[in-house]
mmCIF file of all heavy atoms, coordinates in Angstrom:
data_MODEL
# 
_entry.id   MODEL 
# 
loop_
_atom_site.group_PDB 
_atom_site.id 
_atom_site.type_symbol 
_atom_site.label_atom_id 
_atom_site.label_alt_id 
_atom_site.label_comp_id 
_atom_site.label_asym_id 
_atom_site.label_entity_id 
_atom_site.label_seq_id 
_atom_site.pdbx_PDB_ins_code 
_atom_site.Cartn_x 
_atom_site.Cartn_y 
_atom_site.Cartn_z 
_atom_site.occupancy 
_atom_site.B_iso_or_equiv 
_atom_site.pdbx_formal_charge 
_atom_site.auth_seq_id 
_atom_site.auth_comp_id 
_atom_site.auth_asym_id 
_atom_site.auth_atom_id 
_atom_site.pdbx_PDB_model_num 
ATOM 1   N N   . GLN A 1 1  ? 104.125 105.492 112.613 1.00 0.00 ? 1  GLN A N   1 
ATOM 2   C CA  . GLN A 1 1  ? 105.224 105.789 111.553 1.00 0.00 ? 1  GLN A CA  1 
ATOM 3   C C   . GLN A 1 1  ? 106.264 104.602 111.459 1.00 0.00 ? 1  GLN A C   1 
ATOM 4   O O   . GLN A 1 1  ? 106.519 104.225 110.368 1.00 0.00 ? 1  GLN A O   1 
ATOM 5   C CB  . GLN A 1 1  ? 106.043 107.043 112.037 1.00 0.00 ? 1  GLN A CB  1 
ATOM 6   C CG  . GLN A 1 1  ? 107.138 107.517 110.998 1.00 0.00 ? 1  GLN A CG  1 
ATOM 7   C CD  . GLN A 1 1  ? 107.899 108.612 111.558 1.00 0.00 ? 1  GLN A CD  1 
ATOM 8   O OE1 . GLN A 1 1  ? 107.462 109.359 112.413 1.00 0.00 ? 1  GLN A OE1 1 
ATOM 9   N NE2 . GLN A 1 1  ? 109.199 108.739 111.072 1.00 0.00 ? 1  GLN A NE2 1 
ATOM 10  N N   . LEU A 1 2  ? 106.531 104.032 112.632 1.00 0.00 ? 2  LEU A N   1 
ATOM 11  C CA  . LEU A 1 2  ? 107.293 102.773 112.597 1.00 0.00 ? 2  LEU A CA  1 
ATOM 12  C C   . LEU A 1 2  ? 106.645 101.671 111.873 1.00 0.00 ? 2  LEU A C   1 
ATOM 13  O O   . LEU A 1 2  ? 107.138 100.865 111.141 1.00 0.00 ? 2  LEU A O   1 
ATOM 14  C CB  . LEU A 1 2  ? 107.743 102.507 113.942 1.00 0.00 ? 2  LEU A CB  1 
ATOM 15  C CG  . LEU A 1 2  ? 108.573 101.213 114.139 1.00 0.00 ? 2  LEU A CG  1 
ATOM 16  C CD1 . LEU A 1 2  ? 109.793 101.237 113.363 1.00 0.00 ? 2  LEU A CD1 1 
ATOM 17  C CD2 . LEU A 1 2  ? 108.926 100.850 115.716 1.00 0.00 ? 2  LEU A CD2 1 
ATOM 18  N N   . ALA A 1 3  ? 105.268 101.554 112.164 1.00 0.00 ? 3  ALA A N   1 
ATOM 19  C CA  . ALA A 1 3  ? 104.554 100.444 111.556 1.00 0.00 ? 3  ALA A CA  1 
ATOM 20  C C   . ALA A 1 3  ? 104.477 100.610 110.061 1.00 0.00 ? 3  ALA A C   1 
ATOM 21  O O   . ALA A 1 3  ? 104.636 99.647  109.260 1.00 0.00 ? 3  ALA A O   1 
ATOM 22  C CB  . ALA A 1 3  ? 103.066 100.564 112.163 1.00 0.00 ? 3  ALA A CB  1 
ATOM 23  N N   . GLU A 1 4  ? 104.400 101.885 109.567 1.00 0.00 ? 4  GLU A N   1 
ATOM 24  C CA  . GLU A 1 4  ? 104.396 102.072 108.094 1.00 0.00 ? 4  GLU A CA  1 
ATOM 25  C C   . GLU A 1 4  ? 105.722 101.681 107.546 1.00 0.00 ? 4  GLU A C   1 
ATOM 26  O O   . GLU A 1 4  ? 105.716 101.056 106.461 1.00 0.00 ? 4  GLU A O   1 
ATOM 27  C CB  . GLU A 1 4  ? 104.079 103.536 107.792 1.00 0.00 ? 4  GLU A CB  1 
ATOM 28  C CG  . GLU A 1 4  ? 102.666 104.010 108.179 1.00 0.00 ? 4  GLU A CG  1 
ATOM 29  C CD  . GLU A 1 4  ? 101.597 103.570 107.198 1.00 0.00 ? 4  GLU A CD  1 
ATOM 30  O OE1 . GLU A 1 4  ? 101.892 102.861 106.317 1.00 0.00 ? 4  GLU A OE1 1 
ATOM 31  O OE2 . GLU A 1 4  ? 100.454 103.869 107.487 1.00 0.00 ? 4  GLU A OE2 1 
ATOM 32  N N   . GLN A 1 5  ? 106.728 101.996 108.137 1.00 0.00 ? 5  GLN A N   1 
ATOM 33  C CA  . GLN A 1 5  ? 108.108 101.601 107.770 1.00 0.00 ? 5  GLN A CA  1 
ATOM 34  C C   . GLN A 1 5  ? 108.292 100.091 107.647 1.00 0.00 ? 5  GLN A C   1 
ATOM 35  O O   . GLN A 1 5  ? 108.786 99.494  106.656 1.00 0.00 ? 5  GLN A O   1 
ATOM 36  C CB  . GLN A 1 5  ? 109.153 102.177 108.619 1.00 0.00 ? 5  GLN A CB  1 
ATOM 37  C CG  . GLN A 1 5  ? 110.608 101.961 108.009 1.00 0.00 ? 5  GLN A CG  1 
ATOM 38  C CD  . GLN A 1 5  ? 111.637 102.579 109.017 1.00 0.00 ? 5  GLN A CD  1 
ATOM 39  O OE1 . GLN A 1 5  ? 112.723 102.026 109.187 1.00 0.00 ? 5  GLN A OE1 1 
ATOM 40  N NE2 . GLN A 1 5  ? 111.350 103.786 109.497 1.00 0.00 ? 5  GLN A NE2 1 
ATOM 41  N N   . LEU A 1 6  ? 107.869 99.367  108.658 1.00 0.00 ? 6  LEU A N   1 
ATOM 42  C CA  . LEU A 1 6  ? 107.932 97.928  108.738 1.00 0.00 ? 6  LEU A CA  1 
ATOM 43  C C   . LEU A 1 6  ? 106.999 97.286  107.746 1.00 0.00 ? 6  LEU A C   1 
ATOM 44  O O   . LEU A 1 6  ? 107.311 96.257  107.051 1.00 0.00 ? 6  LEU A O   1 
ATOM 45  C CB  . LEU A 1 6  ? 107.666 97.412  110.116 1.00 0.00 ? 6  LEU A CB  1 
ATOM 46  C CG  . LEU A 1 6  ? 108.693 97.856  111.297 1.00 0.00 ? 6  LEU A CG  1 
ATOM 47  C CD1 . LEU A 1 6  ? 108.141 97.387  112.611 1.00 0.00 ? 6  LEU A CD1 1 
ATOM 48  C CD2 . LEU A 1 6  ? 110.005 97.374  110.882 1.00 0.00 ? 6  LEU A CD2 1 
ATOM 49  N N   . ALA A 1 7  ? 105.851 97.862  107.521 1.00 0.00 ? 7  ALA A N   1 
ATOM 50  C CA  . ALA A 1 7  ? 104.877 97.406  106.581 1.00 0.00 ? 7  ALA A CA  1 
ATOM 51  C C   . ALA A 1 7  ? 105.427 97.316  105.115 1.00 0.00 ? 7  ALA A C   1 
ATOM 52  O O   . ALA A 1 7  ? 105.222 96.294  104.445 1.00 0.00 ? 7  ALA A O   1 
ATOM 53  C CB  . ALA A 1 7  ? 103.561 98.096  106.686 1.00 0.00 ? 7  ALA A CB  1 
ATOM 54  N N   . ALA A 1 8  ? 106.082 98.363  104.905 1.00 0.00 ? 8  ALA A N   1 
ATOM 55  C CA  . ALA A 1 8  ? 106.663 98.478  103.416 1.00 0.00 ? 8  ALA A CA  1 
ATOM 56  C C   . ALA A 1 8  ? 107.714 97.397  103.300 1.00 0.00 ? 8  ALA A C   1 
ATOM 57  O O   . ALA A 1 8  ? 107.829 96.754  102.142 1.00 0.00 ? 8  ALA A O   1 
ATOM 58  C CB  . ALA A 1 8  ? 107.298 99.863  103.219 1.00 0.00 ? 8  ALA A CB  1 
ATOM 59  N N   . ARG A 1 9  ? 108.412 96.956  104.286 1.00 0.00 ? 9  ARG A N   1 
ATOM 60  C CA  . ARG A 1 9  ? 109.488 96.068  104.110 1.00 0.00 ? 9  ARG A CA  1 
ATOM 61  C C   . ARG A 1 9  ? 108.840 94.611  104.180 1.00 0.00 ? 9  ARG A C   1 
ATOM 62  O O   . ARG A 1 9  ? 109.268 93.654  103.467 1.00 0.00 ? 9  ARG A O   1 
ATOM 63  C CB  . ARG A 1 9  ? 110.522 96.149  105.303 1.00 0.00 ? 9  ARG A CB  1 
ATOM 64  C CG  . ARG A 1 9  ? 111.348 97.501  105.197 1.00 0.00 ? 9  ARG A CG  1 
ATOM 65  C CD  . ARG A 1 9  ? 112.303 97.505  106.464 1.00 0.00 ? 9  ARG A CD  1 
ATOM 66  N NE  . ARG A 1 9  ? 113.175 98.768  106.284 1.00 0.00 ? 9  ARG A NE  1 
ATOM 67  C CZ  . ARG A 1 9  ? 114.429 98.704  105.809 1.00 0.00 ? 9  ARG A CZ  1 
ATOM 68  N NH1 . ARG A 1 9  ? 114.869 97.617  105.300 1.00 0.00 ? 9  ARG A NH1 1 
ATOM 69  N NH2 . ARG A 1 9  ? 115.120 99.849  105.700 1.00 0.00 ? 9  ARG A NH2 1 
ATOM 70  N N   . LEU A 1 10 ? 107.789 94.446  104.992 1.00 0.00 ? 10 LEU A N   1 
ATOM 71  C CA  . LEU A 1 10 ? 107.189 93.109  105.189 1.00 0.00 ? 10 LEU A CA  1 
ATOM 72  C C   . LEU A 1 10 ? 106.412 92.752  103.754 1.00 0.00 ? 10 LEU A C   1 
ATOM 73  O O   . LEU A 1 10 ? 106.374 91.569  103.521 1.00 0.00 ? 10 LEU A O   1 
ATOM 74  C CB  . LEU A 1 10 ? 106.201 93.132  106.284 1.00 0.00 ? 10 LEU A CB  1 
ATOM 75  C CG  . LEU A 1 10 ? 106.698 92.930  107.690 1.00 0.00 ? 10 LEU A CG  1 
ATOM 76  C CD1 . LEU A 1 10 ? 105.681 93.125  108.738 1.00 0.00 ? 10 LEU A CD1 1 
ATOM 77  C CD2 . LEU A 1 10 ? 107.325 91.416  107.854 1.00 0.00 ? 10 LEU A CD2 1 
ATOM 78  N N   . ARG A 1 11 ? 105.922 93.765  103.106 1.00 0.00 ? 11 ARG A N   1 
ATOM 79  C CA  . ARG A 1 11 ? 105.346 93.491  101.746 1.00 0.00 ? 11 ARG A CA  1 
ATOM 80  C C   . ARG A 1 11 ? 106.224 92.797  100.802 1.00 0.00 ? 11 ARG A C   1 
ATOM 81  O O   . ARG A 1 11 ? 105.732 92.182  99.771  1.00 0.00 ? 11 ARG A O   1 
ATOM 82  C CB  . ARG A 1 11 ? 104.647 94.755  101.293 1.00 0.00 ? 11 ARG A CB  1 
ATOM 83  C CG  . ARG A 1 11 ? 103.552 95.274  102.109 1.00 0.00 ? 11 ARG A CG  1 
ATOM 84  C CD  . ARG A 1 11 ? 102.873 96.460  101.574 1.00 0.00 ? 11 ARG A CD  1 
ATOM 85  N NE  . ARG A 1 11 ? 101.860 97.155  102.396 1.00 0.00 ? 11 ARG A NE  1 
ATOM 86  C CZ  . ARG A 1 11 ? 102.027 98.273  103.033 1.00 0.00 ? 11 ARG A CZ  1 
ATOM 87  N NH1 . ARG A 1 11 ? 103.159 99.030  102.728 1.00 0.00 ? 11 ARG A NH1 1 
ATOM 88  N NH2 . ARG A 1 11 ? 101.129 98.713  103.868 1.00 0.00 ? 11 ARG A NH2 1 
ATOM 89  N N   . GLU A 1 12 ? 107.556 92.923  101.024 1.00 0.00 ? 12 GLU A N   1 
ATOM 90  C CA  . GLU A 1 12 ? 108.531 92.401  100.036 1.00 0.00 ? 12 GLU A CA  1 
ATOM 91  C C   . GLU A 1 12 ? 108.874 90.965  100.442 1.00 0.00 ? 12 GLU A C   1 
ATOM 92  O O   . GLU A 1 12 ? 109.606 90.320  99.687  1.00 0.00 ? 12 GLU A O   1 
ATOM 93  C CB  . GLU A 1 12 ? 109.768 93.248  99.998  1.00 0.00 ? 12 GLU A CB  1 
ATOM 94  C CG  . GLU A 1 12 ? 109.533 94.663  99.717  1.00 0.00 ? 12 GLU A CG  1 
ATOM 95  C CD  . GLU A 1 12 ? 108.910 94.827  98.291  1.00 0.00 ? 12 GLU A CD  1 
ATOM 96  O OE1 . GLU A 1 12 ? 109.455 94.122  97.420  1.00 0.00 ? 12 GLU A OE1 1 
ATOM 97  O OE2 . GLU A 1 12 ? 107.959 95.625  98.166  1.00 0.00 ? 12 GLU A OE2 1 
ATOM 98  N N   . VAL A 1 13 ? 108.279 90.477  101.598 1.00 0.00 ? 13 VAL A N   1 
ATOM 99  C CA  . VAL A 1 13 ? 108.611 89.103  102.056 1.00 0.00 ? 13 VAL A CA  1 
ATOM 100 C C   . VAL A 1 13 ? 107.906 88.086  101.201 1.00 0.00 ? 13 VAL A C   1 
ATOM 101 O O   . VAL A 1 13 ? 106.691 88.232  100.956 1.00 0.00 ? 13 VAL A O   1 
ATOM 102 C CB  . VAL A 1 13 ? 108.345 88.923  103.551 1.00 0.00 ? 13 VAL A CB  1 
ATOM 103 C CG1 . VAL A 1 13 ? 108.558 87.481  103.959 1.00 0.00 ? 13 VAL A CG1 1 
ATOM 104 C CG2 . VAL A 1 13 ? 109.230 89.807  104.368 1.00 0.00 ? 13 VAL A CG2 1 
ATOM 105 N N   . ASP A 1 14 ? 108.550 87.068  100.736 1.00 0.00 ? 14 ASP A N   1 
ATOM 106 C CA  . ASP A 1 14 ? 107.851 85.981  99.882  1.00 0.00 ? 14 ASP A CA  1 
ATOM 107 C C   . ASP A 1 14 ? 106.685 85.370  100.785 1.00 0.00 ? 14 ASP A C   1 
ATOM 108 O O   . ASP A 1 14 ? 106.953 85.003  101.844 1.00 0.00 ? 14 ASP A O   1 
ATOM 109 C CB  . ASP A 1 14 ? 108.795 84.946  99.538  1.00 0.00 ? 14 ASP A CB  1 
ATOM 110 C CG  . ASP A 1 14 ? 109.795 85.372  98.415  1.00 0.00 ? 14 ASP A CG  1 
ATOM 111 O OD1 . ASP A 1 14 ? 109.492 86.335  97.845  1.00 0.00 ? 14 ASP A OD1 1 
ATOM 112 O OD2 . ASP A 1 14 ? 110.815 84.674  98.220  1.00 0.00 ? 14 ASP A OD2 1 
ATOM 113 N N   . GLY A 1 15 ? 105.562 85.273  100.103 1.00 0.00 ? 15 GLY A N   1 
ATOM 114 C CA  . GLY A 1 15 ? 104.492 84.686  100.777 1.00 0.00 ? 15 GLY A CA  1 
ATOM 115 C C   . GLY A 1 15 ? 103.436 85.584  101.481 1.00 0.00 ? 15 GLY A C   1 
ATOM 116 O O   . GLY A 1 15 ? 102.380 85.323  101.844 1.00 0.00 ? 15 GLY A O   1 
ATOM 117 N N   . VAL A 1 16 ? 103.912 86.912  101.633 1.00 0.00 ? 16 VAL A N   1 
ATOM 118 C CA  . VAL A 1 16 ? 103.020 87.897  102.200 1.00 0.00 ? 16 VAL A CA  1 
ATOM 119 C C   . VAL A 1 16 ? 102.254 88.589  101.121 1.00 0.00 ? 16 VAL A C   1 
ATOM 120 O O   . VAL A 1 16 ? 102.917 89.238  100.191 1.00 0.00 ? 16 VAL A O   1 
ATOM 121 C CB  . VAL A 1 16 ? 103.863 88.990  103.014 1.00 0.00 ? 16 VAL A CB  1 
ATOM 122 C CG1 . VAL A 1 16 ? 102.981 90.094  103.503 1.00 0.00 ? 16 VAL A CG1 1 
ATOM 123 C CG2 . VAL A 1 16 ? 104.621 88.227  104.176 1.00 0.00 ? 16 VAL A CG2 1 
ATOM 124 N N   . ALA A 1 17 ? 100.932 88.503  101.216 1.00 0.00 ? 17 ALA A N   1 
ATOM 125 C CA  . ALA A 1 17 ? 100.105 89.134  100.175 1.00 0.00 ? 17 ALA A CA  1 
ATOM 126 C C   . ALA A 1 17 ? 99.797  90.534  100.483 1.00 0.00 ? 17 ALA A C   1 
ATOM 127 O O   . ALA A 1 17 ? 99.758  91.455  99.506  1.00 0.00 ? 17 ALA A O   1 
ATOM 128 C CB  . ALA A 1 17 ? 98.828  88.344  100.007 1.00 0.00 ? 17 ALA A CB  1 
ATOM 129 N N   . ALA A 1 18 ? 99.601  90.895  101.704 1.00 0.00 ? 18 ALA A N   1 
ATOM 130 C CA  . ALA A 1 18 ? 99.273  92.318  102.108 1.00 0.00 ? 18 ALA A CA  1 
ATOM 131 C C   . ALA A 1 18 ? 99.643  92.564  103.575 1.00 0.00 ? 18 ALA A C   1 
ATOM 132 O O   . ALA A 1 18 ? 99.653  91.670  104.356 1.00 0.00 ? 18 ALA A O   1 
ATOM 133 C CB  . ALA A 1 18 ? 97.775  92.591  101.823 1.00 0.00 ? 18 ALA A CB  1 
ATOM 134 N N   . VAL A 1 19 ? 99.998  93.875  103.859 1.00 0.00 ? 19 VAL A N   1 
ATOM 135 C CA  . VAL A 1 19 ? 100.187 94.233  105.204 1.00 0.00 ? 19 VAL A CA  1 
ATOM 136 C C   . VAL A 1 19 ? 99.524  95.556  105.373 1.00 0.00 ? 19 VAL A C   1 
ATOM 137 O O   . VAL A 1 19 ? 99.710  96.487  104.589 1.00 0.00 ? 19 VAL A O   1 
ATOM 138 C CB  . VAL A 1 19 ? 101.693 94.426  105.555 1.00 0.00 ? 19 VAL A CB  1 
ATOM 139 C CG1 . VAL A 1 19 ? 101.885 94.864  106.946 1.00 0.00 ? 19 VAL A CG1 1 
ATOM 140 C CG2 . VAL A 1 19 ? 102.456 93.128  105.189 1.00 0.00 ? 19 VAL A CG2 1 
ATOM 141 N N   . ASP A 1 20 ? 98.617  95.592  106.340 1.00 0.00 ? 20 ASP A N   1 
ATOM 142 C CA  . ASP A 1 20 ? 97.879  96.873  106.661 1.00 0.00 ? 20 ASP A CA  1 
ATOM 143 C C   . ASP A 1 20 ? 98.163  97.372  108.076 1.00 0.00 ? 20 ASP A C   1 
ATOM 144 O O   . ASP A 1 20 ? 98.477  96.641  108.931 1.00 0.00 ? 20 ASP A O   1 
ATOM 145 C CB  . ASP A 1 20 ? 96.311  96.606  106.592 1.00 0.00 ? 20 ASP A CB  1 
ATOM 146 C CG  . ASP A 1 20 ? 95.841  96.156  105.160 1.00 0.00 ? 20 ASP A CG  1 
ATOM 147 O OD1 . ASP A 1 20 ? 96.382  96.729  104.242 1.00 0.00 ? 20 ASP A OD1 1 
ATOM 148 O OD2 . ASP A 1 20 ? 95.108  95.188  105.084 1.00 0.00 ? 20 ASP A OD2 1 
ATOM 149 N N   . VAL A 1 21 ? 98.307  98.649  108.062 1.00 0.00 ? 21 VAL A N   1 
ATOM 150 C CA  . VAL A 1 21 ? 98.548  99.301  109.427 1.00 0.00 ? 21 VAL A CA  1 
ATOM 151 C C   . VAL A 1 21 ? 97.210  99.633  110.037 1.00 0.00 ? 21 VAL A C   1 
ATOM 152 O O   . VAL A 1 21 ? 96.379  100.347 109.355 1.00 0.00 ? 21 VAL A O   1 
ATOM 153 C CB  . VAL A 1 21 ? 99.436  100.552 109.276 1.00 0.00 ? 21 VAL A CB  1 
ATOM 154 C CG1 . VAL A 1 21 ? 99.564  101.290 110.632 1.00 0.00 ? 21 VAL A CG1 1 
ATOM 155 C CG2 . VAL A 1 21 ? 100.782 100.168 108.724 1.00 0.00 ? 21 VAL A CG2 1 
ATOM 156 N N   . ALA A 1 22 ? 96.906  99.286  111.276 1.00 0.00 ? 22 ALA A N   1 
ATOM 157 C CA  . ALA A 1 22 ? 95.564  99.537  111.845 1.00 0.00 ? 22 ALA A CA  1 
ATOM 158 C C   . ALA A 1 22 ? 95.826  100.226 113.226 1.00 0.00 ? 22 ALA A C   1 
ATOM 159 O O   . ALA A 1 22 ? 96.809  100.054 113.895 1.00 0.00 ? 22 ALA A O   1 
ATOM 160 C CB  . ALA A 1 22 ? 94.806  98.317  112.062 1.00 0.00 ? 22 ALA A CB  1 
ATOM 161 N N   . GLY A 1 23 ? 94.794  101.062 113.626 1.00 0.00 ? 23 GLY A N   1 
ATOM 162 C CA  . GLY A 1 23 ? 94.790  101.699 114.844 1.00 0.00 ? 23 GLY A CA  1 
ATOM 163 C C   . GLY A 1 23 ? 96.111  102.508 115.249 1.00 0.00 ? 23 GLY A C   1 
ATOM 164 O O   . GLY A 1 23 ? 96.561  103.149 114.215 1.00 0.00 ? 23 GLY A O   1 
ATOM 165 N N   . PRO A 1 24 ? 96.670  102.402 116.408 1.00 0.00 ? 24 PRO A N   1 
ATOM 166 C CA  . PRO A 1 24 ? 97.774  103.174 116.724 1.00 0.00 ? 24 PRO A CA  1 
ATOM 167 C C   . PRO A 1 24 ? 99.082  102.611 116.081 1.00 0.00 ? 24 PRO A C   1 
ATOM 168 O O   . PRO A 1 24 ? 100.069 103.244 116.433 1.00 0.00 ? 24 PRO A O   1 
ATOM 169 C CB  . PRO A 1 24 ? 97.834  103.040 118.264 1.00 0.00 ? 24 PRO A CB  1 
ATOM 170 C CG  . PRO A 1 24 ? 97.196  101.724 118.626 1.00 0.00 ? 24 PRO A CG  1 
ATOM 171 C CD  . PRO A 1 24 ? 96.026  101.620 117.532 1.00 0.00 ? 24 PRO A CD  1 
ATOM 172 N N   . GLY A 1 25 ? 98.967  101.490 115.508 1.00 0.00 ? 25 GLY A N   1 
ATOM 173 C CA  . GLY A 1 25 ? 100.242 100.965 114.909 1.00 0.00 ? 25 GLY A CA  1 
ATOM 174 C C   . GLY A 1 25 ? 100.359 99.479  114.820 1.00 0.00 ? 25 GLY A C   1 
ATOM 175 O O   . GLY A 1 25 ? 101.340 98.848  114.745 1.00 0.00 ? 25 GLY A O   1 
ATOM 176 N N   . PHE A 1 26 ? 99.152  98.813  114.898 1.00 0.00 ? 26 PHE A N   1 
ATOM 177 C CA  . PHE A 1 26 ? 99.122  97.297  114.778 1.00 0.00 ? 26 PHE A CA  1 
ATOM 178 C C   . PHE A 1 26 ? 99.372  96.965  113.245 1.00 0.00 ? 26 PHE A C   1 
ATOM 179 O O   . PHE A 1 26 ? 98.923  97.688  112.329 1.00 0.00 ? 26 PHE A O   1 
ATOM 180 C CB  . PHE A 1 26 ? 97.776  96.779  115.145 1.00 0.00 ? 26 PHE A CB  1 
ATOM 181 C CG  . PHE A 1 26 ? 97.571  96.871  116.588 1.00 0.00 ? 26 PHE A CG  1 
ATOM 182 C CD1 . PHE A 1 26 ? 96.772  97.789  117.143 1.00 0.00 ? 26 PHE A CD1 1 
ATOM 183 C CD2 . PHE A 1 26 ? 98.104  95.874  117.390 1.00 0.00 ? 26 PHE A CD2 1 
ATOM 184 C CE1 . PHE A 1 26 ? 96.520  97.921  118.477 1.00 0.00 ? 26 PHE A CE1 1 
ATOM 185 C CE2 . PHE A 1 26 ? 97.855  95.951  118.746 1.00 0.00 ? 26 PHE A CE2 1 
ATOM 186 C CZ  . PHE A 1 26 ? 97.130  96.946  119.395 1.00 0.00 ? 26 PHE A CZ  1 
ATOM 187 N N   . LEU A 1 27 ? 100.027 95.884  113.010 1.00 0.00 ? 27 LEU A N   1 
ATOM 188 C CA  . LEU A 1 27 ? 100.267 95.387  111.646 1.00 0.00 ? 27 LEU A CA  1 
ATOM 189 C C   . LEU A 1 27 ? 99.415  94.075  111.375 1.00 0.00 ? 27 LEU A C   1 
ATOM 190 O O   . LEU A 1 27 ? 99.592  93.149  112.130 1.00 0.00 ? 27 LEU A O   1 
ATOM 191 C CB  . LEU A 1 27 ? 101.754 95.031  111.525 1.00 0.00 ? 27 LEU A CB  1 
ATOM 192 C CG  . LEU A 1 27 ? 102.833 96.251  111.431 1.00 0.00 ? 27 LEU A CG  1 
ATOM 193 C CD1 . LEU A 1 27 ? 104.161 95.786  111.528 1.00 0.00 ? 27 LEU A CD1 1 
ATOM 194 C CD2 . LEU A 1 27 ? 102.587 97.067  110.215 1.00 0.00 ? 27 LEU A CD2 1 
ATOM 195 N N   . ASN A 1 28 ? 98.572  94.209  110.481 1.00 0.00 ? 28 ASN A N   1 
ATOM 196 C CA  . ASN A 1 28 ? 97.740  93.032  109.989 1.00 0.00 ? 28 ASN A CA  1 
ATOM 197 C C   . ASN A 1 28 ? 98.335  92.453  108.772 1.00 0.00 ? 28 ASN A C   1 
ATOM 198 O O   . ASN A 1 28 ? 98.352  93.131  107.770 1.00 0.00 ? 28 ASN A O   1 
ATOM 199 C CB  . ASN A 1 28 ? 96.306  93.459  109.806 1.00 0.00 ? 28 ASN A CB  1 
ATOM 200 C CG  . ASN A 1 28 ? 95.617  93.941  111.155 1.00 0.00 ? 28 ASN A CG  1 
ATOM 201 O OD1 . ASN A 1 28 ? 95.941  93.391  112.250 1.00 0.00 ? 28 ASN A OD1 1 
ATOM 202 N ND2 . ASN A 1 28 ? 94.651  94.803  111.065 1.00 0.00 ? 28 ASN A ND2 1 
# 
């Protein structure tokens, strides 16, 4: 759940094309 929240914010960072949540909470 925390990973999903952080992923949404990281996708707004300039230069970041994609952020995926994997497994128990890794951010790719």
